[in-house]
Each structure stands twice: as C-alpha cells, then as structure tokens.
C-alpha cells in the first residue's frame, strides 16, 4: 500500500496585463490485495482567472480517478482486465467529464500487446470501442 499527495502552484501571464494563479492538490492511494490492485486520486484545482478576462472570474475544479486492475497470475500474467473511472467537475461546465472504461489486455510479447476497450461517456451518453495493438521499441 502507498499513500501520497501532490500539489502545484504557478502563475501564468495572459494578454493585456492579465494573470492566472493556479493551485492544485490532492491525495493519491494505491492498494494491492491478491490479484487486484486499486489506484485512486482526487484533485482539487483553483484558478483565479482561467480565461484571462480583465475582471477576474475564479473557477474551481474537482477530479477523481479510480482504477482497478485484475492480474490472474500476478506479475506472471499475460492477460489483464482493467476498470477505470474518470470524473471532472468544474465551475466551467464545458470541461465537465465523466467516463467509465473496461479494458482487456493480452501480452503477446515483451513489447507487443493486444488491447480491447469499451468506454462509456456518462456525460454525453455515448460509447467508444477500441481494438488494437500497442508496441514500443
């Protein structure tokens, strides 16, 4: 098990003497129990002027990521099942996002994986499927 956290503070200059201060922070958790591994993160973000308006308009954003991985043979597994949940809830509604994904991965060789994935966009009520090969050299 590991528990951690993260944070960031920065300033960005915009046009016409505008500025945005950004703060984000959150906890991070990873737990392994037998053939399952769970990773979760929560993010809080605050922008003082994200669109660089002359009159500052603050925005707050909250995000959650949860991932559960099933490895039938632990570190010897060639097949994995992954469930993933993403949520972004922002004062700027255009950035709201909520999805759930189920993925199956088969390790063909050390640098070649076959992947099948289905994602449900819970905001727009649409599905997306992916089938493909992933490689790296």
N, C-alpha and C. Protein backbone atom coordinates (compact mmCIF):
# COMPACT_ATOMS: atom_id res chain seq x y z
N UNK A 1 0.85 -1.17 0.00
CA UNK A 1 0.00 0.00 0.00
C UNK A 1 0.90 1.23 0.00
N UNK A 2 0.48 2.22 -0.74
CA UNK A 2 1.17 3.51 -0.70
C UNK A 2 0.13 4.62 -0.65
N UNK A 3 0.44 5.62 0.15
CA UNK A 3 -0.41 6.81 0.27
C UNK A 3 0.48 8.01 0.03
N UNK A 4 0.03 8.90 -0.80
CA UNK A 4 0.84 10.08 -1.10
C UNK A 4 -0.04 11.28 -1.39
N UNK A 5 0.59 12.29 -1.87
CA UNK A 5 -0.12 13.51 -2.23
C UNK A 5 0.67 14.28 -3.25
N UNK A 6 0.03 15.26 -3.83
CA UNK A 6 0.68 16.09 -4.83
C UNK A 6 0.14 17.50 -4.75
N UNK A 7 0.90 18.44 -5.25
CA UNK A 7 0.47 19.83 -5.24
C UNK A 7 1.26 20.64 -6.23
N UNK A 8 0.69 21.75 -6.62
CA UNK A 8 1.35 22.64 -7.58
C UNK A 8 0.81 24.04 -7.39
N UNK A 9 1.70 25.01 -7.54
CA UNK A 9 1.29 26.41 -7.55
C UNK A 9 2.05 27.09 -8.67
N UNK A 10 1.34 27.90 -9.46
CA UNK A 10 2.01 28.62 -10.52
C UNK A 10 1.22 29.83 -10.96
N UNK A 11 1.90 30.71 -11.69
CA UNK A 11 1.26 31.89 -12.28
C UNK A 11 1.52 31.87 -13.77
N UNK A 12 0.51 32.31 -14.51
CA UNK A 12 0.64 32.40 -15.96
C UNK A 12 0.20 33.79 -16.40
N UNK A 13 1.05 34.43 -17.17
CA UNK A 13 0.71 35.75 -17.70
C UNK A 13 -0.13 35.59 -18.96
N UNK A 14 -1.19 36.40 -19.06
CA UNK A 14 -2.04 36.39 -20.23
C UNK A 14 -1.90 37.69 -20.99
N UNK A 15 -2.76 37.88 -21.97
CA UNK A 15 -2.71 39.12 -22.76
C UNK A 15 -3.23 40.31 -21.95
N UNK A 16 -2.81 41.48 -22.32
CA UNK A 16 -3.31 42.74 -21.74
C UNK A 16 -3.20 42.79 -20.22
N UNK A 17 -2.05 42.44 -19.71
CA UNK A 17 -1.77 42.52 -18.27
C UNK A 17 -2.72 41.69 -17.41
N UNK A 18 -3.17 40.57 -17.91
CA UNK A 18 -3.98 39.66 -17.10
C UNK A 18 -3.09 38.53 -16.60
N UNK A 19 -3.56 37.87 -15.55
CA UNK A 19 -2.76 36.81 -14.93
C UNK A 19 -3.69 35.76 -14.36
N UNK A 20 -3.24 34.52 -14.34
CA UNK A 20 -3.98 33.43 -13.72
C UNK A 20 -3.06 32.73 -12.73
N UNK A 21 -3.52 32.63 -11.49
CA UNK A 21 -2.80 31.84 -10.48
C UNK A 21 -3.49 30.49 -10.39
N UNK A 22 -2.69 29.44 -10.40
CA UNK A 22 -3.20 28.07 -10.39
C UNK A 22 -2.70 27.37 -9.14
N UNK A 23 -3.62 26.71 -8.47
CA UNK A 23 -3.27 25.86 -7.33
C UNK A 23 -3.97 24.53 -7.55
N UNK A 24 -3.23 23.44 -7.44
CA UNK A 24 -3.91 22.16 -7.35
C UNK A 24 -3.22 21.25 -6.37
N UNK A 25 -4.02 20.38 -5.76
CA UNK A 25 -3.51 19.47 -4.75
C UNK A 25 -4.47 18.31 -4.59
N UNK A 26 -3.96 17.23 -4.01
CA UNK A 26 -4.81 16.09 -3.77
C UNK A 26 -4.06 14.90 -3.23
N UNK A 27 -4.81 13.90 -2.74
CA UNK A 27 -4.21 12.67 -2.24
C UNK A 27 -4.15 11.60 -3.34
N UNK A 28 -3.33 10.60 -3.07
CA UNK A 28 -3.08 9.51 -4.01
C UNK A 28 -3.01 8.23 -3.18
N UNK A 29 -3.64 7.16 -3.64
CA UNK A 29 -3.69 5.90 -2.89
C UNK A 29 -3.50 4.73 -3.83
N UNK A 30 -2.71 3.75 -3.41
CA UNK A 30 -2.53 2.52 -4.18
C UNK A 30 -2.55 1.35 -3.21
N UNK A 31 -3.42 0.37 -3.50
CA UNK A 31 -3.56 -0.81 -2.64
C UNK A 31 -3.56 -2.05 -3.51
N UNK A 32 -2.76 -3.05 -3.12
CA UNK A 32 -2.76 -4.35 -3.80
C UNK A 32 -3.26 -5.40 -2.83
N UNK A 33 -4.25 -6.18 -3.29
CA UNK A 33 -4.79 -7.27 -2.49
C UNK A 33 -4.91 -8.48 -3.40
N UNK A 34 -4.03 -9.44 -3.23
CA UNK A 34 -4.05 -10.64 -4.07
C UNK A 34 -3.86 -10.29 -5.53
N UNK A 35 -4.81 -10.68 -6.35
CA UNK A 35 -4.73 -10.48 -7.80
C UNK A 35 -5.28 -9.12 -8.24
N UNK A 36 -5.68 -8.30 -7.29
CA UNK A 36 -6.26 -6.99 -7.59
C UNK A 36 -5.36 -5.86 -7.11
N UNK A 37 -5.35 -4.79 -7.89
CA UNK A 37 -4.63 -3.58 -7.50
C UNK A 37 -5.53 -2.38 -7.77
N UNK A 38 -5.70 -1.54 -6.75
CA UNK A 38 -6.54 -0.34 -6.89
C UNK A 38 -5.67 0.90 -6.76
N UNK A 39 -5.88 1.85 -7.65
CA UNK A 39 -5.23 3.15 -7.58
C UNK A 39 -6.31 4.22 -7.63
N UNK A 40 -6.25 5.18 -6.75
CA UNK A 40 -7.22 6.27 -6.74
C UNK A 40 -6.54 7.61 -6.49
N UNK A 41 -7.07 8.65 -7.10
CA UNK A 41 -6.58 10.01 -6.90
C UNK A 41 -7.76 10.97 -6.87
N UNK A 42 -7.61 12.00 -6.06
CA UNK A 42 -8.56 13.11 -6.04
C UNK A 42 -7.75 14.37 -6.31
N UNK A 43 -8.29 15.27 -7.13
CA UNK A 43 -7.61 16.52 -7.44
C UNK A 43 -8.54 17.69 -7.18
N UNK A 44 -8.03 18.70 -6.47
CA UNK A 44 -8.71 19.97 -6.32
C UNK A 44 -7.86 21.01 -7.04
N UNK A 45 -8.50 21.82 -7.88
CA UNK A 45 -7.78 22.86 -8.62
C UNK A 45 -8.56 24.17 -8.50
N UNK A 46 -7.81 25.25 -8.33
CA UNK A 46 -8.42 26.58 -8.30
C UNK A 46 -7.63 27.50 -9.21
N UNK A 47 -8.33 28.19 -10.09
CA UNK A 47 -7.75 29.19 -10.99
C UNK A 47 -8.35 30.54 -10.63
N UNK A 48 -7.51 31.57 -10.55
CA UNK A 48 -8.03 32.91 -10.24
C UNK A 48 -8.62 33.59 -11.47
N UNK A 49 -8.15 33.22 -12.66
CA UNK A 49 -8.62 33.87 -13.89
C UNK A 49 -8.29 32.99 -15.10
N UNK A 50 -8.93 31.82 -15.20
CA UNK A 50 -8.53 30.84 -16.21
C UNK A 50 -8.69 31.28 -17.66
N UNK A 51 -9.58 32.22 -17.91
CA UNK A 51 -9.79 32.67 -19.30
C UNK A 51 -9.17 34.03 -19.57
N UNK A 52 -8.42 34.55 -18.60
CA UNK A 52 -7.70 35.82 -18.73
C UNK A 52 -8.61 37.00 -19.06
N UNK A 53 -9.75 37.06 -18.36
CA UNK A 53 -10.64 38.20 -18.51
C UNK A 53 -10.06 39.40 -17.76
N UNK A 54 -10.47 40.61 -18.15
CA UNK A 54 -9.99 41.80 -17.43
C UNK A 54 -10.57 41.84 -16.02
N UNK A 55 -11.80 41.36 -15.83
CA UNK A 55 -12.37 41.18 -14.50
C UNK A 55 -12.19 39.71 -14.13
N UNK A 56 -11.40 39.44 -13.10
CA UNK A 56 -11.09 38.06 -12.74
C UNK A 56 -12.35 37.27 -12.43
N UNK A 57 -12.43 36.07 -12.96
CA UNK A 57 -13.52 35.14 -12.70
C UNK A 57 -12.88 33.84 -12.23
N UNK A 58 -13.00 33.55 -10.93
CA UNK A 58 -12.38 32.34 -10.37
C UNK A 58 -13.13 31.09 -10.81
N UNK A 59 -12.40 29.99 -10.86
CA UNK A 59 -13.01 28.70 -11.19
C UNK A 59 -12.38 27.62 -10.32
N UNK A 60 -13.22 26.73 -9.83
CA UNK A 60 -12.76 25.58 -9.07
C UNK A 60 -13.11 24.32 -9.83
N UNK A 61 -12.22 23.34 -9.76
CA UNK A 61 -12.40 22.07 -10.45
C UNK A 61 -12.05 20.95 -9.49
N UNK A 62 -12.86 19.90 -9.51
CA UNK A 62 -12.60 18.69 -8.72
C UNK A 62 -12.51 17.51 -9.68
N UNK A 63 -11.58 16.62 -9.42
CA UNK A 63 -11.42 15.46 -10.28
C UNK A 63 -11.17 14.20 -9.47
N UNK A 64 -11.65 13.09 -10.01
CA UNK A 64 -11.45 11.78 -9.38
C UNK A 64 -11.05 10.79 -10.46
N UNK A 65 -10.05 9.97 -10.14
CA UNK A 65 -9.66 8.86 -11.00
C UNK A 65 -9.60 7.61 -10.12
N UNK A 66 -10.24 6.55 -10.57
CA UNK A 66 -10.17 5.26 -9.88
C UNK A 66 -9.86 4.18 -10.89
N UNK A 67 -8.91 3.32 -10.57
CA UNK A 67 -8.52 2.25 -11.49
C UNK A 67 -8.39 0.95 -10.71
N UNK A 68 -8.99 -0.12 -11.22
CA UNK A 68 -8.88 -1.44 -10.62
C UNK A 68 -8.33 -2.39 -11.67
N UNK A 69 -7.21 -3.05 -11.35
CA UNK A 69 -6.56 -3.97 -12.29
C UNK A 69 -6.64 -5.38 -11.72
N UNK A 70 -7.06 -6.32 -12.56
CA UNK A 70 -7.07 -7.74 -12.21
C UNK A 70 -5.98 -8.44 -13.00
N UNK A 71 -5.04 -9.07 -12.28
CA UNK A 71 -3.93 -9.81 -12.88
C UNK A 71 -4.03 -11.26 -12.40
N UNK A 72 -4.60 -12.16 -13.20
CA UNK A 72 -4.88 -13.53 -12.74
C UNK A 72 -3.65 -14.27 -12.22
N UNK A 73 -2.48 -14.02 -12.79
CA UNK A 73 -1.25 -14.70 -12.36
C UNK A 73 -0.25 -13.69 -11.79
N UNK A 74 -0.77 -12.63 -11.21
CA UNK A 74 0.05 -11.56 -10.63
C UNK A 74 1.09 -11.07 -11.62
N UNK A 75 2.37 -11.00 -11.25
CA UNK A 75 3.37 -10.45 -12.17
C UNK A 75 3.74 -11.41 -13.31
N UNK A 76 3.20 -12.62 -13.30
CA UNK A 76 3.42 -13.57 -14.39
C UNK A 76 2.26 -13.55 -15.40
N UNK A 77 1.28 -12.70 -15.20
CA UNK A 77 0.10 -12.64 -16.06
C UNK A 77 0.43 -12.15 -17.46
N UNK A 78 -0.22 -12.76 -18.43
CA UNK A 78 -0.16 -12.28 -19.81
C UNK A 78 -1.47 -11.57 -20.16
N UNK A 79 -2.50 -11.79 -19.33
CA UNK A 79 -3.82 -11.20 -19.55
C UNK A 79 -4.17 -10.35 -18.34
N UNK A 80 -4.75 -9.17 -18.61
CA UNK A 80 -5.15 -8.23 -17.56
C UNK A 80 -6.52 -7.67 -17.89
N UNK A 81 -7.30 -7.41 -16.86
CA UNK A 81 -8.58 -6.70 -17.02
C UNK A 81 -8.48 -5.43 -16.18
N UNK A 82 -8.86 -4.31 -16.78
CA UNK A 82 -8.78 -3.03 -16.09
C UNK A 82 -10.13 -2.32 -16.15
N UNK A 83 -10.57 -1.81 -15.00
CA UNK A 83 -11.76 -0.96 -14.93
C UNK A 83 -11.27 0.43 -14.50
N UNK A 84 -11.75 1.46 -15.18
CA UNK A 84 -11.28 2.82 -14.94
C UNK A 84 -12.47 3.77 -14.87
N UNK A 85 -12.43 4.69 -13.90
CA UNK A 85 -13.47 5.71 -13.76
C UNK A 85 -12.80 7.07 -13.70
N UNK A 86 -13.30 8.03 -14.48
CA UNK A 86 -12.78 9.41 -14.50
C UNK A 86 -13.93 10.39 -14.29
N UNK A 87 -13.70 11.40 -13.46
CA UNK A 87 -14.69 12.45 -13.24
C UNK A 87 -13.98 13.79 -13.14
N UNK A 88 -14.46 14.76 -13.90
CA UNK A 88 -14.02 16.15 -13.78
C UNK A 88 -15.28 16.98 -13.60
N UNK A 89 -15.35 17.72 -12.50
CA UNK A 89 -16.50 18.59 -12.21
C UNK A 89 -15.95 19.99 -11.99
N UNK A 90 -16.25 20.88 -12.93
CA UNK A 90 -15.66 22.22 -12.92
C UNK A 90 -16.73 23.29 -12.93
N UNK A 91 -16.38 24.46 -12.37
CA UNK A 91 -17.25 25.62 -12.49
C UNK A 91 -17.40 26.02 -13.96
N UNK A 92 -16.43 25.66 -14.78
CA UNK A 92 -16.51 25.89 -16.23
C UNK A 92 -17.09 24.61 -16.84
N UNK A 93 -18.41 24.61 -17.04
CA UNK A 93 -19.14 23.40 -17.42
C UNK A 93 -18.62 22.71 -18.68
N UNK A 94 -18.01 23.45 -19.59
CA UNK A 94 -17.51 22.84 -20.82
C UNK A 94 -16.43 21.79 -20.53
N UNK A 95 -15.83 21.84 -19.35
CA UNK A 95 -14.76 20.90 -19.00
C UNK A 95 -15.25 19.72 -18.18
N UNK A 96 -16.54 19.66 -17.86
CA UNK A 96 -17.07 18.53 -17.12
C UNK A 96 -16.92 17.25 -17.94
N UNK A 97 -16.57 16.17 -17.24
CA UNK A 97 -16.23 14.93 -17.93
C UNK A 97 -16.48 13.78 -16.97
N UNK A 98 -17.11 12.71 -17.46
CA UNK A 98 -17.32 11.54 -16.62
C UNK A 98 -17.38 10.32 -17.51
N UNK A 99 -16.44 9.39 -17.31
CA UNK A 99 -16.40 8.18 -18.13
C UNK A 99 -16.12 6.96 -17.25
N UNK A 100 -16.52 5.81 -17.78
CA UNK A 100 -16.20 4.51 -17.19
C UNK A 100 -15.67 3.64 -18.32
N UNK A 101 -14.58 2.94 -18.07
CA UNK A 101 -13.92 2.14 -19.10
C UNK A 101 -13.66 0.74 -18.58
N UNK A 102 -13.84 -0.25 -19.47
CA UNK A 102 -13.48 -1.63 -19.19
C UNK A 102 -12.54 -2.06 -20.30
N UNK A 103 -11.39 -2.61 -19.91
CA UNK A 103 -10.35 -2.93 -20.88
C UNK A 103 -9.79 -4.32 -20.62
N UNK A 104 -9.51 -5.04 -21.70
CA UNK A 104 -8.81 -6.32 -21.62
C UNK A 104 -7.51 -6.21 -22.40
N UNK A 105 -6.42 -6.67 -21.82
CA UNK A 105 -5.11 -6.59 -22.46
C UNK A 105 -4.46 -7.96 -22.43
N UNK A 106 -3.89 -8.36 -23.58
CA UNK A 106 -3.15 -9.62 -23.66
C UNK A 106 -1.73 -9.31 -24.12
N UNK A 107 -0.76 -9.75 -23.34
CA UNK A 107 0.65 -9.53 -23.64
C UNK A 107 1.12 -10.62 -24.60
N UNK A 108 1.29 -10.24 -25.88
CA UNK A 108 1.73 -11.19 -26.91
C UNK A 108 3.23 -11.45 -26.78
N UNK A 109 3.99 -10.40 -26.64
CA UNK A 109 5.44 -10.47 -26.45
C UNK A 109 5.82 -9.34 -25.50
N UNK A 110 7.09 -9.28 -25.14
CA UNK A 110 7.52 -8.27 -24.17
C UNK A 110 7.14 -6.85 -24.59
N UNK A 111 7.17 -6.56 -25.88
CA UNK A 111 6.87 -5.20 -26.35
C UNK A 111 5.68 -5.16 -27.31
N UNK A 112 4.76 -6.12 -27.19
CA UNK A 112 3.59 -6.16 -28.06
C UNK A 112 2.37 -6.63 -27.27
N UNK A 113 1.34 -5.75 -27.24
CA UNK A 113 0.11 -6.06 -26.51
C UNK A 113 -1.10 -5.93 -27.42
N UNK A 114 -2.06 -6.82 -27.25
CA UNK A 114 -3.37 -6.72 -27.90
C UNK A 114 -4.32 -6.14 -26.86
N UNK A 115 -5.10 -5.14 -27.29
CA UNK A 115 -5.99 -4.47 -26.34
C UNK A 115 -7.39 -4.32 -26.93
N UNK A 116 -8.40 -4.56 -26.10
CA UNK A 116 -9.80 -4.31 -26.45
C UNK A 116 -10.39 -3.48 -25.31
N UNK A 117 -11.08 -2.41 -25.67
CA UNK A 117 -11.54 -1.47 -24.65
C UNK A 117 -12.88 -0.88 -25.04
N UNK A 118 -13.75 -0.72 -24.04
CA UNK A 118 -15.03 -0.05 -24.23
C UNK A 118 -15.14 1.06 -23.18
N UNK A 119 -15.46 2.27 -23.63
CA UNK A 119 -15.61 3.42 -22.73
C UNK A 119 -17.02 3.98 -22.87
N UNK A 120 -17.65 4.23 -21.76
CA UNK A 120 -18.97 4.86 -21.72
C UNK A 120 -18.79 6.29 -21.23
N UNK A 121 -19.17 7.26 -22.06
CA UNK A 121 -19.16 8.66 -21.64
C UNK A 121 -20.48 8.91 -20.92
N UNK A 122 -20.41 9.09 -19.62
CA UNK A 122 -21.61 9.24 -18.80
C UNK A 122 -22.21 10.64 -18.90
N UNK A 123 -21.45 11.62 -19.37
CA UNK A 123 -21.96 12.98 -19.58
C UNK A 123 -22.83 13.04 -20.84
N UNK A 124 -22.30 12.48 -21.94
CA UNK A 124 -22.98 12.59 -23.24
C UNK A 124 -23.71 11.31 -23.64
N UNK A 125 -23.65 10.29 -22.80
CA UNK A 125 -24.34 9.02 -23.02
C UNK A 125 -24.01 8.40 -24.37
N UNK A 126 -22.72 8.30 -24.66
CA UNK A 126 -22.24 7.64 -25.88
C UNK A 126 -21.14 6.64 -25.49
N UNK A 127 -20.92 5.67 -26.38
CA UNK A 127 -19.91 4.65 -26.17
C UNK A 127 -18.80 4.79 -27.20
N UNK A 128 -17.62 4.30 -26.82
CA UNK A 128 -16.50 4.25 -27.75
C UNK A 128 -15.79 2.93 -27.54
N UNK A 129 -15.46 2.25 -28.63
CA UNK A 129 -14.73 1.00 -28.55
C UNK A 129 -13.39 1.11 -29.25
N UNK A 130 -12.41 0.38 -28.73
CA UNK A 130 -11.07 0.38 -29.30
C UNK A 130 -10.58 -1.07 -29.35
N UNK A 131 -10.01 -1.44 -30.48
CA UNK A 131 -9.36 -2.73 -30.63
C UNK A 131 -8.05 -2.47 -31.35
N UNK A 132 -6.95 -2.94 -30.80
CA UNK A 132 -5.69 -2.64 -31.47
C UNK A 132 -4.49 -3.29 -30.84
N UNK A 133 -3.35 -2.99 -31.43
CA UNK A 133 -2.06 -3.46 -30.95
C UNK A 133 -1.26 -2.28 -30.42
N UNK A 134 -0.55 -2.50 -29.33
CA UNK A 134 0.31 -1.47 -28.75
C UNK A 134 1.72 -2.03 -28.73
N UNK A 135 2.67 -1.25 -29.23
CA UNK A 135 4.06 -1.70 -29.25
C UNK A 135 5.00 -0.56 -28.87
N UNK A 136 6.19 -0.93 -28.47
CA UNK A 136 7.21 0.07 -28.12
C UNK A 136 8.58 -0.52 -28.41
N UNK A 137 9.49 0.35 -28.77
CA UNK A 137 10.87 -0.10 -29.05
C UNK A 137 11.84 0.76 -28.31
